[in-house]
Amino acid sequence: MYAQLVETGLAKVRSADDMSPEEQAFQARIDAGVKIEPKDWMPEAYRKTLVRQISQHAHSEIVGQLPEANWVTRAPTLERKAILLAKIQDEAGHGLYLYSAAETLGVSRDALLGDLHSGKAKYSSIFNYPTLSWADMGAIGWLVDGSAIINQIPLCRCSYGPYSRAMVRVCKEESFHARQGYDIMLALCRGTPEQKQMAQDALNRWWWPALMMFGPSDAESVNSAQSMQWRIKLFSNDELRQRMVDQTIPQIEYLGLTVPDPDLKWNEERGRYDFGEINWDEFHNVLRGNGPCNRERLATRKKAYDDGAWFRDALVAHADKRAARKAA
């Protein structure tokens, strides 16, 4: 989901015959399960792919705060407000961990944020959908963060050391987010008929965008194949999407809700659920910037960055002052 259409810069998957001796030694380390660290030699395409993926992941964490921020002042109880605030704070921390990991690859945080604000860099398509009711806070935690866990747990074993280590803490906190979301849905489904309908409406809105989060099929994607050879990715988009469906359907049934997919059915022979066709036209349209909230999300993010310029300047001035005193 955080590698949606990430380019590797290579026309095809590199075979041993295509590799230089340095690249062969590099691939051998990856195949042996040895972590690549910032000072290790690495192919330029590997470095650039990591920068794109980690920065897209970081941007997603930061922009992902915005759909939930609208509901902080409208949470139904003080406890729910405190939990939502804690979750939003976690997402900010995840972005900081990931920007720090990207910086180990020789790119500045200012450059990464500049790419985000200019529209050059992408973030997960899921965050361009509106949150229309309190139930959407449940659906986001349950479906979106639940999908994130499915995507991120394998990243704890990815080949790049700083990225994999950052993901260990992120995954622990995402587990809390998923439980928080499901708890909201459970409370609504055990409430009044109107509250249960609110939960159903949220599921209807978020089910298909949540499946789109994992990106298009890898069947014809050389980028995904190369990322998997480098162990930046460990599983294909389709494998992860199938895990999400198989894990979530029993939870939906327990809630007493209906999956908004008339083609969904259990495949006894394959031991998994078959599901309907995803609207990939909608997916690509959102990625191109034409989703319901693309412009709003980016404008809000840019305004927050600009409004915080005085504080960043003050921090730099304070650091310079301390350094000057120390030198004196």
C-alpha atoms as a PDB file:
ATOM      1  CA  MET A   1       0.000   0.000   0.000  1.00  0.00           C
ATOM      2  CA  TYR A   2       2.935   2.322   0.620  1.00  0.00           C
ATOM      3  CA  ALA A   3       4.530   1.205  -2.637  1.00  0.00           C
ATOM      4  CA  GLN A   4       1.611   2.006  -4.916  1.00  0.00           C
ATOM      5  CA  LEU A   5       3.222   2.311  -8.348  1.00  0.00           C
ATOM      6  CA  VAL A   6       6.716   2.927  -6.901  1.00  0.00           C
ATOM      7  CA  GLU A   7       9.213   2.973  -9.776  1.00  0.00           C
ATOM      8  CA  THR A   8      12.474   1.026  -9.482  1.00  0.00           C
ATOM      9  CA  GLY A   9      14.095   2.782 -12.439  1.00  0.00           C
ATOM     10  CA  LEU A  10      14.849  -0.542 -14.142  1.00  0.00           C
ATOM     11  CA  ALA A  11      13.381  -1.807 -17.388  1.00  0.00           C
ATOM     12  CA  LYS A  12      13.359  -5.435 -16.191  1.00  0.00           C
ATOM     13  CA  VAL A  13      14.242  -7.602 -13.205  1.00  0.00           C
ATOM     14  CA  ARG A  14      18.017  -7.889 -12.925  1.00  0.00           C
ATOM     15  CA  SER A  15      19.426 -11.375 -13.460  1.00  0.00           C
ATOM     16  CA  ALA A  16      22.895 -12.448 -12.318  1.00  0.00           C
ATOM     17  CA  ASP A  17      24.179 -12.047 -15.894  1.00  0.00           C
ATOM     18  CA  ASP A  18      23.041  -8.419 -15.911  1.00  0.00           C
ATOM     19  CA  MET A  19      24.779  -7.588 -12.640  1.00  0.00           C
ATOM     20  CA  SER A  20      28.227  -6.216 -11.962  1.00  0.00           C
ATOM     21  CA  PRO A  21      30.399  -8.061  -9.406  1.00  0.00           C
ATOM     22  CA  GLU A  22      29.362  -5.483  -6.790  1.00  0.00           C
ATOM     23  CA  GLU A  23      25.674  -6.035  -7.549  1.00  0.00           C
ATOM     24  CA  GLN A  24      26.102  -9.799  -7.379  1.00  0.00           C
ATOM     25  CA  ALA A  25      27.733  -9.524  -3.954  1.00  0.00           C
ATOM     26  CA  PHE A  26      24.970  -7.158  -2.854  1.00  0.00           C
ATOM     27  CA  GLN A  27      22.228  -9.547  -3.993  1.00  0.00           C
ATOM     28  CA  ALA A  28      23.996 -12.455  -2.310  1.00  0.00           C
ATOM     29  CA  ARG A  29      23.856 -10.600   1.017  1.00  0.00           C
ATOM     30  CA  ILE A  30      20.150  -9.963   0.580  1.00  0.00           C
ATOM     31  CA  ASP A  31      19.520 -13.600  -0.362  1.00  0.00           C
ATOM     32  CA  ALA A  32      21.374 -14.657   2.778  1.00  0.00           C
ATOM     33  CA  GLY A  33      19.123 -12.475   4.924  1.00  0.00           C
ATOM     34  CA  VAL A  34      21.820  -9.929   5.825  1.00  0.00           C
ATOM     35  CA  LYS A  35      20.482  -6.427   6.476  1.00  0.00           C
ATOM     36  CA  ILE A  36      21.734  -3.592   4.292  1.00  0.00           C
ATOM     37  CA  GLU A  37      22.867  -0.624   6.389  1.00  0.00           C
ATOM     38  CA  PRO A  38      23.268   3.044   5.356  1.00  0.00           C
ATOM     39  CA  LYS A  39      27.073   2.910   4.923  1.00  0.00           C
ATOM     40  CA  ASP A  40      26.980  -0.326   2.909  1.00  0.00           C
ATOM     41  CA  TRP A  41      27.407  -0.221  -0.858  1.00  0.00           C
ATOM     42  CA  MET A  42      24.084  -0.459  -2.688  1.00  0.00           C
ATOM     43  CA  PRO A  43      22.929  -0.051  -6.304  1.00  0.00           C
ATOM     44  CA  GLU A  44      21.624   3.415  -7.048  1.00  0.00           C
ATOM     45  CA  ALA A  45      18.299   1.960  -8.217  1.00  0.00           C
ATOM     46  CA  TYR A  46      17.908   0.187  -4.844  1.00  0.00           C
ATOM     47  CA  ARG A  47      18.580   3.432  -2.985  1.00  0.00           C
ATOM     48  CA  LYS A  48      16.151   5.452  -5.104  1.00  0.00           C
ATOM     49  CA  THR A  49      13.429   2.803  -4.774  1.00  0.00           C
ATOM     50  CA  LEU A  50      13.804   2.858  -1.000  1.00  0.00           C
ATOM     51  CA  VAL A  51      13.642   6.657  -0.936  1.00  0.00           C
ATOM     52  CA  ARG A  52      10.437   6.585  -2.976  1.00  0.00           C
ATOM     53  CA  GLN A  53       8.796   3.856  -0.909  1.00  0.00           C
ATOM     54  CA  ILE A  54       9.829   5.058   2.560  1.00  0.00           C
ATOM     55  CA  SER A  55       8.946   8.674   1.782  1.00  0.00           C
ATOM     56  CA  GLN A  56       5.572   7.634   0.338  1.00  0.00           C
ATOM     57  CA  HIS A  57       5.002   5.633   3.511  1.00  0.00           C
ATOM     58  CA  ALA A  58       5.979   8.628   5.682  1.00  0.00           C
ATOM     59  CA  HIS A  59       3.753  10.985   3.698  1.00  0.00           C
ATOM     60  CA  SER A  60       0.852   8.552   4.153  1.00  0.00           C
ATOM     61  CA  GLU A  61       1.294   8.558   7.913  1.00  0.00           C
ATOM     62  CA  ILE A  62       1.314  12.366   8.050  1.00  0.00           C
ATOM     63  CA  VAL A  63      -1.582  12.959   5.645  1.00  0.00           C
ATOM     64  CA  GLY A  64      -3.417  10.078   7.331  1.00  0.00           C
ATOM     65  CA  GLN A  65      -3.920  12.253  10.401  1.00  0.00           C
ATOM     66  CA  LEU A  66      -6.167  14.642   8.496  1.00  0.00           C
ATOM     67  CA  PRO A  67      -9.313  12.486   7.980  1.00  0.00           C
ATOM     68  CA  GLU A  68      -9.372  11.743  11.713  1.00  0.00           C
ATOM     69  CA  ALA A  69      -8.558  15.253  12.916  1.00  0.00           C
ATOM     70  CA  ASN A  70     -12.026  16.389  11.823  1.00  0.00           C
ATOM     71  CA  TRP A  71     -13.572  14.176  14.516  1.00  0.00           C
ATOM     72  CA  VAL A  72     -11.445  15.072  17.549  1.00  0.00           C
ATOM     73  CA  THR A  73     -13.877  17.781  18.686  1.00  0.00           C
ATOM     74  CA  ARG A  74     -16.914  15.668  17.767  1.00  0.00           C
ATOM     75  CA  ALA A  75     -16.005  12.382  19.453  1.00  0.00           C
ATOM     76  CA  PRO A  76     -19.024  11.100  21.431  1.00  0.00           C
ATOM     77  CA  THR A  77     -17.255  10.789  24.798  1.00  0.00           C
ATOM     78  CA  LEU A  78     -14.182  12.156  26.528  1.00  0.00           C
ATOM     79  CA  GLU A  79     -12.636   8.680  26.487  1.00  0.00           C
ATOM     80  CA  ARG A  80     -13.131   8.361  22.736  1.00  0.00           C
ATOM     81  CA  LYS A  81     -11.601  11.819  22.277  1.00  0.00           C
ATOM     82  CA  ALA A  82      -8.501  10.872  24.284  1.00  0.00           C
ATOM     83  CA  ILE A  83      -8.076   7.613  22.364  1.00  0.00           C
ATOM     84  CA  LEU A  84      -8.408   9.364  18.998  1.00  0.00           C
ATOM     85  CA  LEU A  85      -5.897  12.032  20.026  1.00  0.00           C
ATOM     86  CA  ALA A  86      -3.448   9.308  21.074  1.00  0.00           C
ATOM     87  CA  LYS A  87      -3.883   7.595  17.730  1.00  0.00           C
ATOM     88  CA  ILE A  88      -3.274  10.802  15.760  1.00  0.00           C
ATOM     89  CA  GLN A  89      -0.164  11.434  17.852  1.00  0.00           C
ATOM     90  CA  ASP A  90       1.068   7.920  17.005  1.00  0.00           C
ATOM     91  CA  GLU A  91       0.637   8.601  13.281  1.00  0.00           C
ATOM     92  CA  ALA A  92       2.778  11.731  13.578  1.00  0.00           C
ATOM     93  CA  GLY A  93       5.456   9.669  15.301  1.00  0.00           C
ATOM     94  CA  HIS A  94       5.336   7.042  12.556  1.00  0.00           C
ATOM     95  CA  GLY A  95       5.970   9.749   9.974  1.00  0.00           C
ATOM     96  CA  LEU A  96       8.975  10.996  11.940  1.00  0.00           C
ATOM     97  CA  TYR A  97      10.469   7.484  12.248  1.00  0.00           C
ATOM     98  CA  LEU A  98      10.105   6.988   8.522  1.00  0.00           C
ATOM     99  CA  TYR A  99      11.462  10.375   7.471  1.00  0.00           C
ATOM    100  CA  SER A 100      14.481   9.617   9.667  1.00  0.00           C
ATOM    101  CA  ALA A 101      14.923   6.249   7.927  1.00  0.00           C
ATOM    102  CA  ALA A 102      14.736   7.952   4.528  1.00  0.00           C
ATOM    103  CA  GLU A 103      17.350  10.509   5.595  1.00  0.00           C
ATOM    104  CA  THR A 104      19.866   7.690   6.114  1.00  0.00           C
ATOM    105  CA  LEU A 105      19.752   7.264   2.324  1.00  0.00           C
ATOM    106  CA  GLY A 106      21.170  10.738   1.743  1.00  0.00           C
ATOM    107  CA  VAL A 107      17.991  12.728   1.117  1.00  0.00           C
ATOM    108  CA  SER A 108      16.885  15.664   3.233  1.00  0.00           C
ATOM    109  CA  ARG A 109      13.527  15.871   4.976  1.00  0.00           C
ATOM    110  CA  ASP A 110      12.925  19.292   3.437  1.00  0.00           C
ATOM    111  CA  ALA A 111      13.333  17.790  -0.028  1.00  0.00           C
ATOM    112  CA  LEU A 112      10.894  14.977   0.794  1.00  0.00           C
ATOM    113  CA  LEU A 113       8.292  17.404   2.102  1.00  0.00           C
ATOM    114  CA  GLY A 114       8.848  19.653  -0.897  1.00  0.00           C
ATOM    115  CA  ASP A 115       8.010  16.742  -3.196  1.00  0.00           C
ATOM    116  CA  LEU A 116       4.856  16.023  -1.192  1.00  0.00           C
ATOM    117  CA  HIS A 117       3.643  19.629  -1.239  1.00  0.00           C
ATOM    118  CA  SER A 118       4.358  20.045  -4.947  1.00  0.00           C
ATOM    119  CA  GLY A 119       2.401  16.904  -5.797  1.00  0.00           C
ATOM    120  CA  LYS A 120       5.468  15.107  -7.119  1.00  0.00           C
ATOM    121  CA  ALA A 121       5.404  12.517  -4.323  1.00  0.00           C
ATOM    122  CA  LYS A 122       2.361  10.350  -3.637  1.00  0.00           C
ATOM    123  CA  TYR A 123       0.730   9.027  -0.498  1.00  0.00           C
ATOM    124  CA  SER A 124      -1.730   6.181   0.003  1.00  0.00           C
ATOM    125  CA  SER A 125      -4.915   6.648  -2.030  1.00  0.00           C
ATOM    126  CA  ILE A 126      -7.111   5.757   0.962  1.00  0.00           C
ATOM    127  CA  PHE A 127      -6.586   9.132   2.626  1.00  0.00           C
ATOM    128  CA  ASN A 128      -8.348  10.992  -0.164  1.00  0.00           C
ATOM    129  CA  TYR A 129     -11.791   9.831   0.945  1.00  0.00           C
ATOM    130  CA  PRO A 130     -14.016  11.879   3.293  1.00  0.00           C
ATOM    131  CA  THR A 131     -14.994  10.893   6.846  1.00  0.00           C
ATOM    132  CA  LEU A 132     -18.727  11.534   6.965  1.00  0.00           C
ATOM    133  CA  SER A 133     -19.686  10.072  10.345  1.00  0.00           C
ATOM    134  CA  TRP A 134     -18.215   8.892  13.638  1.00  0.00           C
ATOM    135  CA  ALA A 135     -18.498   5.334  12.317  1.00  0.00           C
ATOM    136  CA  ASP A 136     -15.842   6.237   9.749  1.00  0.00           C
ATOM    137  CA  MET A 137     -13.371   6.487  12.661  1.00  0.00           C
ATOM    138  CA  GLY A 138     -14.159   2.870  13.383  1.00  0.00           C
ATOM    139  CA  ALA A 139     -13.905   1.800   9.751  1.00  0.00           C
ATOM    140  CA  ILE A 140     -10.557   3.562   9.311  1.00  0.00           C
ATOM    141  CA  GLY A 141      -9.053   1.987  12.414  1.00  0.00           C
ATOM    142  CA  TRP A 142     -10.433  -1.448  11.656  1.00  0.00           C
ATOM    143  CA  LEU A 143     -10.047  -1.652   7.861  1.00  0.00           C
ATOM    144  CA  VAL A 144      -7.335   0.876   6.999  1.00  0.00           C
ATOM    145  CA  ASP A 145      -5.017   0.267   9.941  1.00  0.00           C
ATOM    146  CA  GLY A 146      -5.836  -3.440   9.808  1.00  0.00           C
ATOM    147  CA  SER A 147      -4.681  -3.486   6.196  1.00  0.00           C
ATOM    148  CA  ALA A 148      -1.622  -1.479   7.204  1.00  0.00           C
ATOM    149  CA  ILE A 149      -0.634  -4.173   9.696  1.00  0.00           C
ATOM    150  CA  ILE A 150      -0.925  -6.861   7.004  1.00  0.00           C
ATOM    151  CA  ASN A 151       1.345  -4.755   4.794  1.00  0.00           C
ATOM    152  CA  GLN A 152       3.782  -3.646   7.486  1.00  0.00           C
ATOM    153  CA  ILE A 153       4.527  -6.828   9.432  1.00  0.00           C
ATOM    154  CA  PRO A 154       6.501  -8.243   6.465  1.00  0.00           C
ATOM    155  CA  LEU A 155       8.361  -4.906   6.254  1.00  0.00           C
ATOM    156  CA  CYS A 156       9.854  -5.692   9.679  1.00  0.00           C
ATOM    157  CA  ARG A 157      11.881  -8.296   7.740  1.00  0.00           C
ATOM    158  CA  CYS A 158      12.721  -6.160   4.707  1.00  0.00           C
ATOM    159  CA  SER A 159      16.324  -5.933   3.560  1.00  0.00           C
ATOM    160  CA  TYR A 160      17.050  -2.334   4.596  1.00  0.00           C
ATOM    161  CA  GLY A 161      17.950  -2.163   8.281  1.00  0.00           C
ATOM    162  CA  PRO A 162      16.682   1.321   9.280  1.00  0.00           C
ATOM    163  CA  TYR A 163      13.336   0.723   7.560  1.00  0.00           C
ATOM    164  CA  SER A 164      12.805  -2.725   9.064  1.00  0.00           C
ATOM    165  CA  ARG A 165      13.681  -1.553  12.581  1.00  0.00           C
ATOM    166  CA  ALA A 166      11.361   1.458  12.356  1.00  0.00           C
ATOM    167  CA  MET A 167       8.520  -0.864  11.388  1.00  0.00           C
ATOM    168  CA  VAL A 168       8.780  -2.920  14.589  1.00  0.00           C
ATOM    169  CA  ARG A 169       7.433  -0.109  16.767  1.00  0.00           C
ATOM    170  CA  VAL A 170       5.042   1.106  14.078  1.00  0.00           C
ATOM    171  CA  CYS A 171       3.404  -2.329  13.890  1.00  0.00           C
ATOM    172  CA  LYS A 172       2.929  -2.487  17.660  1.00  0.00           C
ATOM    173  CA  GLU A 173       1.131   0.839  17.638  1.00  0.00           C
ATOM    174  CA  GLU A 174      -0.916  -0.015  14.542  1.00  0.00           C
ATOM    175  CA  SER A 175      -2.245  -3.053  16.403  1.00  0.00           C
ATOM    176  CA  PHE A 176      -3.723  -0.676  18.979  1.00  0.00           C
ATOM    177  CA  HIS A 177      -5.260   1.401  16.191  1.00  0.00           C
ATOM    178  CA  ALA A 178      -6.954  -1.606  14.610  1.00  0.00           C
ATOM    179  CA  ARG A 179      -8.418  -2.719  17.952  1.00  0.00           C
ATOM    180  CA  GLN A 180      -9.611   0.826  18.628  1.00  0.00           C
ATOM    181  CA  GLY A 181     -11.427   0.910  15.280  1.00  0.00           C
ATOM    182  CA  TYR A 182     -13.061  -2.472  15.754  1.00  0.00           C
ATOM    183  CA  ASP A 183     -14.181  -1.459  19.251  1.00  0.00           C
ATOM    184  CA  ILE A 184     -15.995   1.543  17.785  1.00  0.00           C
ATOM    185  CA  MET A 185     -17.719  -0.662  15.209  1.00  0.00           C
ATOM    186  CA  LEU A 186     -18.651  -3.219  17.865  1.00  0.00           C
ATOM    187  CA  ALA A 187     -20.178  -0.532  20.104  1.00  0.00           C
ATOM    188  CA  LEU A 188     -22.226   0.815  17.202  1.00  0.00           C
ATOM    189  CA  CYS A 189     -23.417  -2.639  16.154  1.00  0.00           C
ATOM    190  CA  ARG A 190     -24.540  -3.370  19.718  1.00  0.00           C
ATOM    191  CA  GLY A 191     -26.359  -0.034  19.936  1.00  0.00           C
ATOM    192  CA  THR A 192     -29.560   1.217  18.352  1.00  0.00           C
ATOM    193  CA  PRO A 193     -30.679   0.180  14.852  1.00  0.00           C
ATOM    194  CA  GLU A 194     -29.666   3.671  13.676  1.00  0.00           C
ATOM    195  CA  GLN A 195     -26.162   3.210  15.096  1.00  0.00           C
ATOM    196  CA  LYS A 196     -25.785  -0.196  13.462  1.00  0.00           C
ATOM    197  CA  GLN A 197     -26.886   1.304  10.148  1.00  0.00           C
ATOM    198  CA  MET A 198     -24.233   3.976  10.619  1.00  0.00           C
ATOM    199  CA  ALA A 199     -21.629   1.206  10.946  1.00  0.00           C
ATOM    200  CA  GLN A 200     -22.981  -0.521   7.830  1.00  0.00           C
ATOM    201  CA  ASP A 201     -22.831   2.712   5.842  1.00  0.00           C
ATOM    202  CA  ALA A 202     -19.200   3.227   6.891  1.00  0.00           C
ATOM    203  CA  LEU A 203     -18.326  -0.324   5.852  1.00  0.00           C
ATOM    204  CA  ASN A 204     -20.005   0.257   2.490  1.00  0.00           C
ATOM    205  CA  ARG A 205     -17.908   3.396   1.909  1.00  0.00           C
ATOM    206  CA  TRP A 206     -14.539   2.047   3.050  1.00  0.00           C
ATOM    207  CA  TRP A 207     -14.537  -1.596   1.946  1.00  0.00           C
ATOM    208  CA  TRP A 208     -13.494  -1.101  -1.662  1.00  0.00           C
ATOM    209  CA  PRO A 209     -11.019   1.759  -1.040  1.00  0.00           C
ATOM    210  CA  ALA A 210      -9.416  -0.465   1.638  1.00  0.00           C
ATOM    211  CA  LEU A 211      -8.911  -3.235  -0.948  1.00  0.00           C
ATOM    212  CA  MET A 212      -7.434  -0.692  -3.364  1.00  0.00           C
ATOM    213  CA  MET A 213      -4.844   0.282  -0.754  1.00  0.00           C
ATOM    214  CA  PHE A 214      -2.642  -2.673  -1.663  1.00  0.00           C
ATOM    215  CA  GLY A 215      -2.206  -1.357  -5.191  1.00  0.00           C
ATOM    216  CA  PRO A 216      -2.812  -3.004  -8.574  1.00  0.00           C
ATOM    217  CA  SER A 217      -2.077  -6.627  -9.364  1.00  0.00           C
ATOM    218  CA  ASP A 218       1.595  -7.543  -9.532  1.00  0.00           C
ATOM    219  CA  ALA A 219       1.084  -9.960 -12.418  1.00  0.00           C
ATOM    220  CA  GLU A 220       2.521  -7.559 -15.004  1.00  0.00           C
ATOM    221  CA  SER A 221       4.499  -5.206 -12.766  1.00  0.00           C
ATOM    222  CA  VAL A 222       8.268  -5.338 -13.142  1.00  0.00           C
ATOM    223  CA  ASN A 223       8.587  -2.781 -10.359  1.00  0.00           C
ATOM    224  CA  SER A 224       7.040  -5.088  -7.773  1.00  0.00           C
ATOM    225  CA  ALA A 225       9.054  -8.050  -9.037  1.00  0.00           C
ATOM    226  CA  GLN A 226      12.316  -6.132  -8.675  1.00  0.00           C
ATOM    227  CA  SER A 227      11.370  -4.845  -5.228  1.00  0.00           C
ATOM    228  CA  MET A 228      10.665  -8.418  -4.173  1.00  0.00           C
ATOM    229  CA  GLN A 229      14.049  -9.572  -5.486  1.00  0.00           C
ATOM    230  CA  TRP A 230      15.661  -6.895  -3.324  1.00  0.00           C
ATOM    231  CA  ARG A 231      13.368  -7.890  -0.425  1.00  0.00           C
ATOM    232  CA  ILE A 232      12.059  -4.351  -0.136  1.00  0.00           C
ATOM    233  CA  LYS A 233       8.726  -6.087  -0.607  1.00  0.00           C
ATOM    234  CA  LEU A 234       8.215  -9.649   0.592  1.00  0.00           C
ATOM    235  CA  PHE A 235       4.743 -10.411  -0.773  1.00  0.00           C
ATOM    236  CA  SER A 236       2.805  -9.334  -3.832  1.00  0.00           C
ATOM    237  CA  ASN A 237      -0.081  -6.879  -3.671  1.00  0.00           C
ATOM    238  CA  ASP A 238      -2.554  -9.633  -4.506  1.00  0.00           C
ATOM    239  CA  GLU A 239      -1.270 -11.914  -1.745  1.00  0.00           C
ATOM    240  CA  LEU A 240      -1.601  -9.169   0.864  1.00  0.00           C
ATOM    241  CA  ARG A 241      -5.054  -8.162  -0.402  1.00  0.00           C
ATOM    242  CA  GLN A 242      -6.244 -11.764  -0.147  1.00  0.00           C
ATOM    243  CA  ARG A 243      -4.995 -11.954   3.438  1.00  0.00           C
ATOM    244  CA  MET A 244      -6.957  -8.840   4.280  1.00  0.00           C
ATOM    245  CA  VAL A 245     -10.183 -10.270   2.831  1.00  0.00           C
ATOM    246  CA  ASP A 246      -9.792 -13.665   4.494  1.00  0.00           C
ATOM    247  CA  GLN A 247      -9.001 -12.052   7.860  1.00  0.00           C
ATOM    248  CA  THR A 248     -11.783  -9.472   7.774  1.00  0.00           C
ATOM    249  CA  ILE A 249     -14.837 -11.387   6.536  1.00  0.00           C
ATOM    250  CA  PRO A 250     -15.263 -13.389   9.791  1.00  0.00           C
ATOM    251  CA  GLN A 251     -15.033 -10.114  11.737  1.00  0.00           C
ATOM    252  CA  ILE A 252     -17.754  -8.585   9.554  1.00  0.00           C
ATOM    253  CA  GLU A 253     -19.960 -11.613  10.155  1.00  0.00           C
ATOM    254  CA  TYR A 254     -19.419 -11.347  13.921  1.00  0.00           C
ATOM    255  CA  LEU A 255     -20.548  -7.714  13.809  1.00  0.00           C
ATOM    256  CA  GLY A 256     -23.691  -8.764  11.961  1.00  0.00           C
ATOM    257  CA  LEU A 257     -22.885  -6.513   9.006  1.00  0.00           C
ATOM    258  CA  THR A 258     -23.092  -7.238   5.291  1.00  0.00           C
ATOM    259  CA  VAL A 259     -20.094  -7.213   2.960  1.00  0.00           C
ATOM    260  CA  PRO A 260     -20.826  -4.741   0.125  1.00  0.00           C
ATOM    261  CA  ASP A 261     -19.791  -7.280  -2.513  1.00  0.00           C
ATOM    262  CA  PRO A 262     -22.472  -9.450  -4.196  1.00  0.00           C
ATOM    263  CA  ASP A 263     -19.737 -11.608  -5.769  1.00  0.00           C
ATOM    264  CA  LEU A 264     -18.135 -12.573  -2.458  1.00  0.00           C
ATOM    265  CA  LYS A 265     -18.178 -16.321  -1.774  1.00  0.00           C
ATOM    266  CA  TRP A 266     -16.152 -18.952   0.053  1.00  0.00           C
ATOM    267  CA  ASN A 267     -13.977 -21.081  -2.242  1.00  0.00           C
ATOM    268  CA  GLU A 268     -13.841 -24.467  -0.543  1.00  0.00           C
ATOM    269  CA  GLU A 269     -11.302 -25.863  -2.980  1.00  0.00           C
ATOM    270  CA  ARG A 270      -8.806 -23.035  -2.516  1.00  0.00           C
ATOM    271  CA  GLY A 271      -9.607 -22.402   1.153  1.00  0.00           C
ATOM    272  CA  ARG A 272     -10.163 -18.683   0.728  1.00  0.00           C
ATOM    273  CA  TYR A 273     -12.754 -16.096  -0.220  1.00  0.00           C
ATOM    274  CA  ASP A 274     -13.307 -15.088  -3.820  1.00  0.00           C
ATOM    275  CA  PHE A 275     -14.348 -11.466  -4.206  1.00  0.00           C
ATOM    276  CA  GLY A 276     -15.578  -9.117  -6.902  1.00  0.00           C
ATOM    277  CA  GLU A 277     -13.626  -6.998  -9.341  1.00  0.00           C
ATOM    278  CA  ILE A 278     -12.106  -3.807  -7.978  1.00  0.00           C
ATOM    279  CA  ASN A 279     -12.847  -0.547  -9.798  1.00  0.00           C
ATOM    280  CA  TRP A 280      -9.301   0.202 -10.935  1.00  0.00           C
ATOM    281  CA  ASP A 281     -10.448   3.251 -12.888  1.00  0.00           C
ATOM    282  CA  GLU A 282     -11.424   4.847  -9.587  1.00  0.00           C
ATOM    283  CA  PHE A 283      -8.084   3.831  -8.045  1.00  0.00           C
ATOM    284  CA  HIS A 284      -6.018   5.428 -10.810  1.00  0.00           C
ATOM    285  CA  ASN A 285      -8.240   8.504 -10.859  1.00  0.00           C
ATOM    286  CA  VAL A 286      -7.628   9.065  -7.143  1.00  0.00           C
ATOM    287  CA  LEU A 287      -3.876   8.570  -7.588  1.00  0.00           C
ATOM    288  CA  ARG A 288      -3.890  11.157 -10.366  1.00  0.00           C
ATOM    289  CA  GLY A 289      -5.250  13.685  -7.868  1.00  0.00           C
ATOM    290  CA  ASN A 290      -8.930  13.527  -8.751  1.00  0.00           C
ATOM    291  CA  GLY A 291     -10.285  11.833  -5.620  1.00  0.00           C
ATOM    292  CA  PRO A 292     -12.972  13.356  -3.381  1.00  0.00           C
ATOM    293  CA  CYS A 293     -10.454  15.033  -1.046  1.00  0.00           C
ATOM    294  CA  ASN A 294      -7.093  15.161  -2.883  1.00  0.00           C
ATOM    295  CA  ARG A 295      -6.945  18.929  -3.170  1.00  0.00           C
ATOM    296  CA  GLU A 296      -8.322  19.497   0.319  1.00  0.00           C
ATOM    297  CA  ARG A 297      -5.812  17.142   1.934  1.00  0.00           C
ATOM    298  CA  LEU A 298      -2.814  18.656   0.160  1.00  0.00           C
ATOM    299  CA  ALA A 299      -3.937  22.242   0.796  1.00  0.00           C
ATOM    300  CA  THR A 300      -4.449  21.509   4.507  1.00  0.00           C
ATOM    301  CA  ARG A 301      -1.045  19.871   4.764  1.00  0.00           C
ATOM    302  CA  LYS A 302       0.712  22.777   3.000  1.00  0.00           C
ATOM    303  CA  LYS A 303      -1.035  25.333   5.190  1.00  0.00           C
ATOM    304  CA  ALA A 304       0.021  23.503   8.353  1.00  0.00           C
ATOM    305  CA  TYR A 305       3.613  23.421   7.110  1.00  0.00           C
ATOM    306  CA  ASP A 306       3.615  27.109   6.233  1.00  0.00           C
ATOM    307  CA  ASP A 307       1.988  28.063   9.542  1.00  0.00           C
ATOM    308  CA  GLY A 308       4.740  26.218  11.394  1.00  0.00           C
ATOM    309  CA  ALA A 309       7.611  28.009   9.623  1.00  0.00           C
ATOM    310  CA  TRP A 310       8.110  30.462  12.513  1.00  0.00           C
ATOM    311  CA  PHE A 311       8.540  27.601  14.971  1.00  0.00           C
ATOM    312  CA  ARG A 312      11.082  25.776  12.793  1.00  0.00           C
ATOM    313  CA  ASP A 313      13.001  29.038  12.374  1.00  0.00           C
ATOM    314  CA  ALA A 314      12.952  29.554  16.140  1.00  0.00           C
ATOM    315  CA  LEU A 315      14.333  26.065  16.734  1.00  0.00           C
ATOM    316  CA  VAL A 316      17.189  26.678  14.295  1.00  0.00           C
ATOM    317  CA  ALA A 317      17.952  30.072  15.872  1.00  0.00           C
ATOM    318  CA  HIS A 318      17.973  28.511  19.341  1.00  0.00           C
ATOM    319  CA  ALA A 319      20.281  25.703  18.193  1.00  0.00           C
ATOM    320  CA  ASP A 320      22.650  28.208  16.557  1.00  0.00           C
ATOM    321  CA  LYS A 321      22.660  30.301  19.744  1.00  0.00           C
ATOM    322  CA  ARG A 322      23.516  27.317  21.909  1.00  0.00           C
ATOM    323  CA  ALA A 323      26.283  26.256  19.519  1.00  0.00           C
ATOM    324  CA  ALA A 324      27.755  29.767  19.564  1.00  0.00           C
ATOM    325  CA  ARG A 325      27.738  29.822  23.369  1.00  0.00           C
ATOM    326  CA  LYS A 326      29.388  26.414  23.488  1.00  0.00           C
ATOM    327  CA  ALA A 327      32.076  27.513  21.043  1.00  0.00           C
ATOM    328  CA  ALA A 328      32.732  30.643  23.080  1.00  0.00           C
END
